[in-house]
C-alpha atoms as a PDB file:
ATOM      1  CA  UNK A   1      92.000  73.813 107.440  1.00  0.00           C
ATOM      2  CA  UNK A   2      92.517  77.275 105.965  1.00  0.00           C
ATOM      3  CA  UNK A   3      90.398  78.258 102.977  1.00  0.00           C
ATOM      4  CA  UNK A   4      92.282  79.342  99.866  1.00  0.00           C
ATOM      5  CA  UNK A   5      91.485  82.917  98.870  1.00  0.00           C
ATOM      6  CA  UNK A   6      92.107  85.218  95.970  1.00  0.00           C
ATOM      7  CA  UNK A   7      94.529  87.675  97.589  1.00  0.00           C
ATOM      8  CA  UNK A   8      94.991  91.084  96.015  1.00  0.00           C
ATOM      9  CA  UNK A   9      96.986  94.140  97.012  1.00  0.00           C
ATOM     10  CA  UNK A  10      97.017  97.689  95.721  1.00  0.00           C
ATOM     11  CA  UNK A  11     100.340  99.469  95.409  1.00  0.00           C
ATOM     12  CA  UNK A  12     101.027 102.997  96.584  1.00  0.00           C
ATOM     13  CA  UNK A  13     100.002 105.203  93.650  1.00  0.00           C
ATOM     14  CA  UNK A  14     102.720 107.741  94.367  1.00  0.00           C
ATOM     15  CA  UNK A  15     105.435 105.110  93.986  1.00  0.00           C
ATOM     16  CA  UNK A  16     104.281 103.965  90.534  1.00  0.00           C
ATOM     17  CA  UNK A  17     105.603 105.710  87.428  1.00  0.00           C
ATOM     18  CA  UNK A  18     103.766 106.039  84.085  1.00  0.00           C
ATOM     19  CA  UNK A  19     106.381 106.646  81.378  1.00  0.00           C
ATOM     20  CA  UNK A  20     106.131 107.383  77.673  1.00  0.00           C
ATOM     21  CA  UNK A  21     109.458 106.511  76.060  1.00  0.00           C
ATOM     22  CA  UNK A  22     110.528 106.841  72.434  1.00  0.00           C
ATOM     23  CA  UNK A  23     112.539 103.759  71.545  1.00  0.00           C
ATOM     24  CA  UNK A  24     114.393 102.647  68.443  1.00  0.00           C
ATOM     25  CA  UNK A  25     112.191 101.283  65.676  1.00  0.00           C
ATOM     26  CA  UNK A  26     113.345  97.889  64.468  1.00  0.00           C
ATOM     27  CA  UNK A  27     112.117  98.771  60.969  1.00  0.00           C
ATOM     28  CA  UNK A  28     115.019 100.601  59.345  1.00  0.00           C
ATOM     29  CA  UNK A  29     114.338 104.203  58.386  1.00  0.00           C
ATOM     30  CA  UNK A  30     111.161 104.554  60.423  1.00  0.00           C
ATOM     31  CA  UNK A  31     110.544 106.987  63.268  1.00  0.00           C
ATOM     32  CA  UNK A  32     111.128 105.873  66.875  1.00  0.00           C
ATOM     33  CA  UNK A  33     108.327 103.899  68.542  1.00  0.00           C
ATOM     34  CA  UNK A  34     106.446 105.564  71.397  1.00  0.00           C
ATOM     35  CA  UNK A  35     106.100 102.947  74.148  1.00  0.00           C
ATOM     36  CA  UNK A  36     104.187 103.253  77.405  1.00  0.00           C
ATOM     37  CA  UNK A  37     105.520 101.695  80.626  1.00  0.00           C
ATOM     38  CA  UNK A  38     104.227 101.383  84.174  1.00  0.00           C
ATOM     39  CA  UNK A  39     107.082 100.880  86.620  1.00  0.00           C
ATOM     40  CA  UNK A  40     107.722 100.829  90.348  1.00  0.00           C
ATOM     41  CA  UNK A  41     107.403  98.623  93.434  1.00  0.00           C
ATOM     42  CA  UNK A  42     104.658  96.088  92.730  1.00  0.00           C
ATOM     43  CA  UNK A  43     105.201  94.036  95.907  1.00  0.00           C
ATOM     44  CA  UNK A  44     106.520  94.673  99.406  1.00  0.00           C
ATOM     45  CA  UNK A  45     107.722  92.122 101.960  1.00  0.00           C
ATOM     46  CA  UNK A  46     107.745  92.013 105.767  1.00  0.00           C
ATOM     47  CA  UNK A  47     105.497  95.076 106.135  1.00  0.00           C
ATOM     48  CA  UNK A  48     101.830  95.104 107.150  1.00  0.00           C
ATOM     49  CA  UNK A  49      99.980  96.603 104.187  1.00  0.00           C
ATOM     50  CA  UNK A  50      96.773  98.614 103.984  1.00  0.00           C
ATOM     51  CA  UNK A  51      94.709  95.425 104.079  1.00  0.00           C
ATOM     52  CA  UNK A  52      96.442  94.372 107.298  1.00  0.00           C
ATOM     53  CA  UNK A  53      98.317  91.531 105.585  1.00  0.00           C
ATOM     54  CA  UNK A  54     102.027  90.710 105.694  1.00  0.00           C
ATOM     55  CA  UNK A  55     104.015  88.913 103.001  1.00  0.00           C
ATOM     56  CA  UNK A  56     107.160  87.187 104.318  1.00  0.00           C
ATOM     57  CA  UNK A  57     110.237  87.985 102.237  1.00  0.00           C
ATOM     58  CA  UNK A  58     110.923  84.327 101.418  1.00  0.00           C
ATOM     59  CA  UNK A  59     107.382  83.896 100.076  1.00  0.00           C
ATOM     60  CA  UNK A  60     107.639  86.881  97.737  1.00  0.00           C
ATOM     61  CA  UNK A  61     111.195  86.089  96.700  1.00  0.00           C
ATOM     62  CA  UNK A  62     110.166  82.570  95.715  1.00  0.00           C
ATOM     63  CA  UNK A  63     107.117  83.734  93.771  1.00  0.00           C
ATOM     64  CA  UNK A  64     108.973  86.530  91.979  1.00  0.00           C
ATOM     65  CA  UNK A  65     111.569  83.978  90.858  1.00  0.00           C
ATOM     66  CA  UNK A  66     108.920  81.480  89.731  1.00  0.00           C
ATOM     67  CA  UNK A  67     106.846  84.139  87.969  1.00  0.00           C
ATOM     68  CA  UNK A  68     109.930  85.452  86.143  1.00  0.00           C
ATOM     69  CA  UNK A  69     111.013  82.010  84.950  1.00  0.00           C
ATOM     70  CA  UNK A  70     107.587  80.648  84.048  1.00  0.00           C
ATOM     71  CA  UNK A  71     105.795  83.747  82.740  1.00  0.00           C
ATOM     72  CA  UNK A  72     108.065  86.698  82.012  1.00  0.00           C
ATOM     73  CA  UNK A  73     110.801  84.677  80.300  1.00  0.00           C
ATOM     74  CA  UNK A  74     108.258  83.238  77.865  1.00  0.00           C
ATOM     75  CA  UNK A  75     106.377  86.516  77.256  1.00  0.00           C
ATOM     76  CA  UNK A  76     103.232  85.192  78.961  1.00  0.00           C
ATOM     77  CA  UNK A  77     103.071  87.579  81.911  1.00  0.00           C
ATOM     78  CA  UNK A  78      99.926  89.379  80.822  1.00  0.00           C
ATOM     79  CA  UNK A  79      97.813  91.620  83.026  1.00  0.00           C
ATOM     80  CA  UNK A  80      94.384  93.202  82.673  1.00  0.00           C
ATOM     81  CA  UNK A  81      92.933  96.697  82.794  1.00  0.00           C
ATOM     82  CA  UNK A  82      90.709  96.715  85.854  1.00  0.00           C
ATOM     83  CA  UNK A  83      90.719  94.025  88.512  1.00  0.00           C
ATOM     84  CA  UNK A  84      88.832  90.783  87.831  1.00  0.00           C
ATOM     85  CA  UNK A  85      87.722  88.531  90.670  1.00  0.00           C
ATOM     86  CA  UNK A  86      88.971  85.267  89.172  1.00  0.00           C
ATOM     87  CA  UNK A  87      92.274  83.450  88.783  1.00  0.00           C
ATOM     88  CA  UNK A  88      91.991  83.393  84.991  1.00  0.00           C
ATOM     89  CA  UNK A  89      93.586  85.834  82.554  1.00  0.00           C
ATOM     90  CA  UNK A  90      90.848  87.107  80.251  1.00  0.00           C
ATOM     91  CA  UNK A  91      92.508  87.597  76.865  1.00  0.00           C
ATOM     92  CA  UNK A  92      89.918  90.117  75.690  1.00  0.00           C
ATOM     93  CA  UNK A  93      90.804  92.357  78.659  1.00  0.00           C
ATOM     94  CA  UNK A  94      94.613  92.124  78.495  1.00  0.00           C
ATOM     95  CA  UNK A  95      96.214  95.569  78.533  1.00  0.00           C
ATOM     96  CA  UNK A  96      99.901  95.069  79.287  1.00  0.00           C
ATOM     97  CA  UNK A  97     102.822  92.672  79.382  1.00  0.00           C
ATOM     98  CA  UNK A  98     104.981  92.466  82.495  1.00  0.00           C
ATOM     99  CA  UNK A  99     108.576  92.667  81.254  1.00  0.00           C
ATOM    100  CA  UNK A 100     110.486  92.685  84.536  1.00  0.00           C
ATOM    101  CA  UNK A 101     109.916  91.747  88.171  1.00  0.00           C
ATOM    102  CA  UNK A 102     112.773  91.427  90.635  1.00  0.00           C
ATOM    103  CA  UNK A 103     113.357  91.749  94.348  1.00  0.00           C
ATOM    104  CA  UNK A 104     115.363  94.755  95.494  1.00  0.00           C
ATOM    105  CA  UNK A 105     115.561  94.564  99.270  1.00  0.00           C
ATOM    106  CA  UNK A 106     111.984  94.252 100.514  1.00  0.00           C
ATOM    107  CA  UNK A 107     110.419  95.512  97.280  1.00  0.00           C
ATOM    108  CA  UNK A 108     109.437  93.607  94.175  1.00  0.00           C
ATOM    109  CA  UNK A 109     110.212  96.116  91.416  1.00  0.00           C
ATOM    110  CA  UNK A 110     108.271  95.675  88.203  1.00  0.00           C
ATOM    111  CA  UNK A 111     108.107  97.106  84.696  1.00  0.00           C
ATOM    112  CA  UNK A 112     105.148  96.590  82.362  1.00  0.00           C
ATOM    113  CA  UNK A 113     104.749  97.486  78.691  1.00  0.00           C
ATOM    114  CA  UNK A 114     101.273  98.757  77.818  1.00  0.00           C
ATOM    115  CA  UNK A 115     100.149  96.846  74.721  1.00  0.00           C
ATOM    116  CA  UNK A 116      98.256  97.919  71.614  1.00  0.00           C
ATOM    117  CA  UNK A 117      95.175  95.873  72.550  1.00  0.00           C
ATOM    118  CA  UNK A 118      91.719  97.499  72.970  1.00  0.00           C
ATOM    119  CA  UNK A 119      92.235  97.721  76.740  1.00  0.00           C
ATOM    120  CA  UNK A 120      95.852  98.779  76.278  1.00  0.00           C
ATOM    121  CA  UNK A 121      94.734 101.620  74.009  1.00  0.00           C
ATOM    122  CA  UNK A 122      92.396 102.844  76.737  1.00  0.00           C
ATOM    123  CA  UNK A 123      95.290 102.773  79.238  1.00  0.00           C
ATOM    124  CA  UNK A 124      97.547 104.655  76.780  1.00  0.00           C
ATOM    125  CA  UNK A 125      94.881 107.282  76.205  1.00  0.00           C
ATOM    126  CA  UNK A 126      94.506 107.781  79.962  1.00  0.00           C
ATOM    127  CA  UNK A 127      98.245 108.166  80.453  1.00  0.00           C
ATOM    128  CA  UNK A 128      98.545 110.629  77.554  1.00  0.00           C
ATOM    129  CA  UNK A 129      95.693 112.607  79.090  1.00  0.00           C
ATOM    130  CA  UNK A 130      97.647 112.892  82.347  1.00  0.00           C
ATOM    131  CA  UNK A 131      95.811 110.249  84.364  1.00  0.00           C
ATOM    132  CA  UNK A 132      98.064 108.473  86.871  1.00  0.00           C
ATOM    133  CA  UNK A 133      97.432 104.739  86.709  1.00  0.00           C
ATOM    134  CA  UNK A 134      98.409 102.302  89.438  1.00  0.00           C
ATOM    135  CA  UNK A 135      98.857  98.551  89.737  1.00  0.00           C
ATOM    136  CA  UNK A 136      97.419  95.815  91.908  1.00  0.00           C
ATOM    137  CA  UNK A 137      98.778  92.304  92.382  1.00  0.00           C
ATOM    138  CA  UNK A 138      96.528  89.251  92.073  1.00  0.00           C
ATOM    139  CA  UNK A 139      97.374  85.923  93.700  1.00  0.00           C
ATOM    140  CA  UNK A 140      95.956  82.852  95.412  1.00  0.00           C
ATOM    141  CA  UNK A 141      96.865  81.417  98.786  1.00  0.00           C
ATOM    142  CA  UNK A 142      95.975  81.042 102.438  1.00  0.00           C
ATOM    143  CA  UNK A 143      96.328  83.346 105.421  1.00  0.00           C
ATOM    144  CA  UNK A 144      97.238  82.596 109.019  1.00  0.00           C
ATOM    145  CA  UNK A 145      96.732  85.509 111.389  1.00  0.00           C
ATOM    146  CA  UNK A 146      96.844  87.780 108.318  1.00  0.00           C
ATOM    147  CA  UNK A 147     100.258  86.459 107.283  1.00  0.00           C
ATOM    148  CA  UNK A 148     100.419  85.088 103.736  1.00  0.00           C
ATOM    149  CA  UNK A 149     101.511  81.440 103.783  1.00  0.00           C
ATOM    150  CA  UNK A 150     103.981  79.467 101.674  1.00  0.00           C
ATOM    151  CA  UNK A 151     101.261  78.251  99.303  1.00  0.00           C
ATOM    152  CA  UNK A 152     100.812  81.755  97.882  1.00  0.00           C
ATOM    153  CA  UNK A 153     100.925  81.867  94.080  1.00  0.00           C
ATOM    154  CA  UNK A 154     101.279  85.136  92.166  1.00  0.00           C
ATOM    155  CA  UNK A 155      98.898  85.168  89.193  1.00  0.00           C
ATOM    156  CA  UNK A 156      99.606  88.577  87.672  1.00  0.00           C
ATOM    157  CA  UNK A 157      99.710  92.337  88.194  1.00  0.00           C
ATOM    158  CA  UNK A 158      96.753  94.348  86.883  1.00  0.00           C
ATOM    159  CA  UNK A 159      96.398  98.036  85.999  1.00  0.00           C
ATOM    160  CA  UNK A 160      93.875  99.868  88.170  1.00  0.00           C
ATOM    161  CA  UNK A 161      92.471 103.364  87.941  1.00  0.00           C
ATOM    162  CA  UNK A 162      93.061 104.451  91.505  1.00  0.00           C
ATOM    163  CA  UNK A 163      94.597 102.220  94.197  1.00  0.00           C
ATOM    164  CA  UNK A 164      93.663 104.836  96.805  1.00  0.00           C
ATOM    165  CA  UNK A 165      89.943 104.474  96.065  1.00  0.00           C
ATOM    166  CA  UNK A 166      87.609 103.651  99.003  1.00  0.00           C
ATOM    167  CA  UNK A 167      87.865 100.068 100.254  1.00  0.00           C
ATOM    168  CA  UNK A 168      84.186  99.377  99.630  1.00  0.00           C
ATOM    169  CA  UNK A 169      84.768  99.760  95.889  1.00  0.00           C
ATOM    170  CA  UNK A 170      88.318  98.499  95.410  1.00  0.00           C
ATOM    171  CA  UNK A 171      88.249  95.521  97.749  1.00  0.00           C
ATOM    172  CA  UNK A 172      84.844  94.503  96.498  1.00  0.00           C
ATOM    173  CA  UNK A 173      86.192  94.209  92.974  1.00  0.00           C
ATOM    174  CA  UNK A 174      89.391  92.544  94.005  1.00  0.00           C
ATOM    175  CA  UNK A 175      88.280  90.037  96.563  1.00  0.00           C
ATOM    176  CA  UNK A 176      84.741  88.894  95.865  1.00  0.00           C
ATOM    177  CA  UNK A 177      83.406  86.166  93.621  1.00  0.00           C
ATOM    178  CA  UNK A 178      81.008  83.270  93.905  1.00  0.00           C
ATOM    179  CA  UNK A 179      83.493  80.994  95.670  1.00  0.00           C
ATOM    180  CA  UNK A 180      85.302  83.469  97.934  1.00  0.00           C
ATOM    181  CA  UNK A 181      82.603  85.757  99.344  1.00  0.00           C
ATOM    182  CA  UNK A 182      83.972  88.730 101.238  1.00  0.00           C
ATOM    183  CA  UNK A 183      82.058  91.327 103.242  1.00  0.00           C
ATOM    184  CA  UNK A 184      79.177  92.663 101.103  1.00  0.00           C
ATOM    185  CA  UNK A 185      80.553  90.504  98.297  1.00  0.00           C
ATOM    186  CA  UNK A 186      77.237  89.636  96.636  1.00  0.00           C
ATOM    187  CA  UNK A 187      76.147  93.241  96.139  1.00  0.00           C
ATOM    188  CA  UNK A 188      79.517  94.466  94.962  1.00  0.00           C
ATOM    189  CA  UNK A 189      79.967  91.521  92.616  1.00  0.00           C
ATOM    190  CA  UNK A 190      76.822  92.498  90.693  1.00  0.00           C
ATOM    191  CA  UNK A 191      78.047  96.080  90.389  1.00  0.00           C
ATOM    192  CA  UNK A 192      81.433  94.894  89.173  1.00  0.00           C
ATOM    193  CA  UNK A 193      79.896  92.647  86.513  1.00  0.00           C
ATOM    194  CA  UNK A 194      77.785  95.586  85.337  1.00  0.00           C
ATOM    195  CA  UNK A 195      80.898  97.750  85.021  1.00  0.00           C
ATOM    196  CA  UNK A 196      82.746  95.009  83.130  1.00  0.00           C
ATOM    197  CA  UNK A 197      79.857  94.693  80.687  1.00  0.00           C
ATOM    198  CA  UNK A 198      79.802  98.436  80.118  1.00  0.00           C
ATOM    199  CA  UNK A 199      83.581  98.553  79.663  1.00  0.00           C
ATOM    200  CA  UNK A 200      83.385  95.850  77.000  1.00  0.00           C
ATOM    201  CA  UNK A 201      80.641  97.780  75.219  1.00  0.00           C
ATOM    202  CA  UNK A 202      82.542 101.052  75.376  1.00  0.00           C
ATOM    203  CA  UNK A 203      85.745  99.445  74.100  1.00  0.00           C
ATOM    204  CA  UNK A 204      84.017  98.913  70.765  1.00  0.00           C
ATOM    205  CA  UNK A 205      83.571 102.677  70.427  1.00  0.00           C
ATOM    206  CA  UNK A 206      86.328 105.214  69.826  1.00  0.00           C
ATOM    207  CA  UNK A 207      88.984 105.380  72.554  1.00  0.00           C
ATOM    208  CA  UNK A 208      88.301 108.895  73.866  1.00  0.00           C
ATOM    209  CA  UNK A 209      84.589 108.258  74.242  1.00  0.00           C
ATOM    210  CA  UNK A 210      85.295 104.926  75.920  1.00  0.00           C
ATOM    211  CA  UNK A 211      87.736 106.544  78.345  1.00  0.00           C
ATOM    212  CA  UNK A 212      85.238 109.234  79.326  1.00  0.00           C
ATOM    213  CA  UNK A 213      82.409 106.772  79.872  1.00  0.00           C
ATOM    214  CA  UNK A 214      84.529 104.326  81.877  1.00  0.00           C
ATOM    215  CA  UNK A 215      85.578 107.051  84.294  1.00  0.00           C
ATOM    216  CA  UNK A 216      82.070 108.423  84.590  1.00  0.00           C
ATOM    217  CA  UNK A 217      80.882 104.955  85.644  1.00  0.00           C
ATOM    218  CA  UNK A 218      83.862 104.554  87.974  1.00  0.00           C
ATOM    219  CA  UNK A 219      83.261 107.890  89.702  1.00  0.00           C
ATOM    220  CA  UNK A 220      79.533 107.222  90.043  1.00  0.00           C
ATOM    221  CA  UNK A 221      80.339 104.102  92.114  1.00  0.00           C
ATOM    222  CA  UNK A 222      82.373 106.184  94.577  1.00  0.00           C
ATOM    223  CA  UNK A 223      79.502 108.507  95.438  1.00  0.00           C
END
């Protein structure tokens, strides 16, 4: 019997767009609202990805439809800044709301609105400073010969600092926890929890200082 895993995938950073758009303010007479969006292909079907996994088109198509009807339509499609190793959405770490997700050919094209939460403010500050943010999908399911099976369930899409980061750092964050231990999972899990604790502490400080400290910690883990 196959063991159910948390399955996560990083998207190609170059294909993701970070947009700052001035939109009409619903309050009459007030200046336009500056909204931040992260758009692009969040999912890709029938192609072996960088983790060596393949998502059949029918599996993704079904999950995109379910996710849209159950989460997006009711404004509950929240994602986090950083990549947790659980199936739960941590409300104190929510940074964005997924507004659209639809299949166009083999790609699942998404659009997310960065929110005015503490983590969302950090993401906005990074984008305004010229940092290119990416996304990473989070789901649960089983694999058979590295092909994702029909029981796959899309949980959300998270914002990540750099999807092209070394596998030892990114995959450790995305795929290890106490139930689903991946290669070197125990060591990386401790490092990830330390980073999460620091991020929570920094979020209580002013945004620019928090942004600087988060990236200093992130870069130190890549050395």
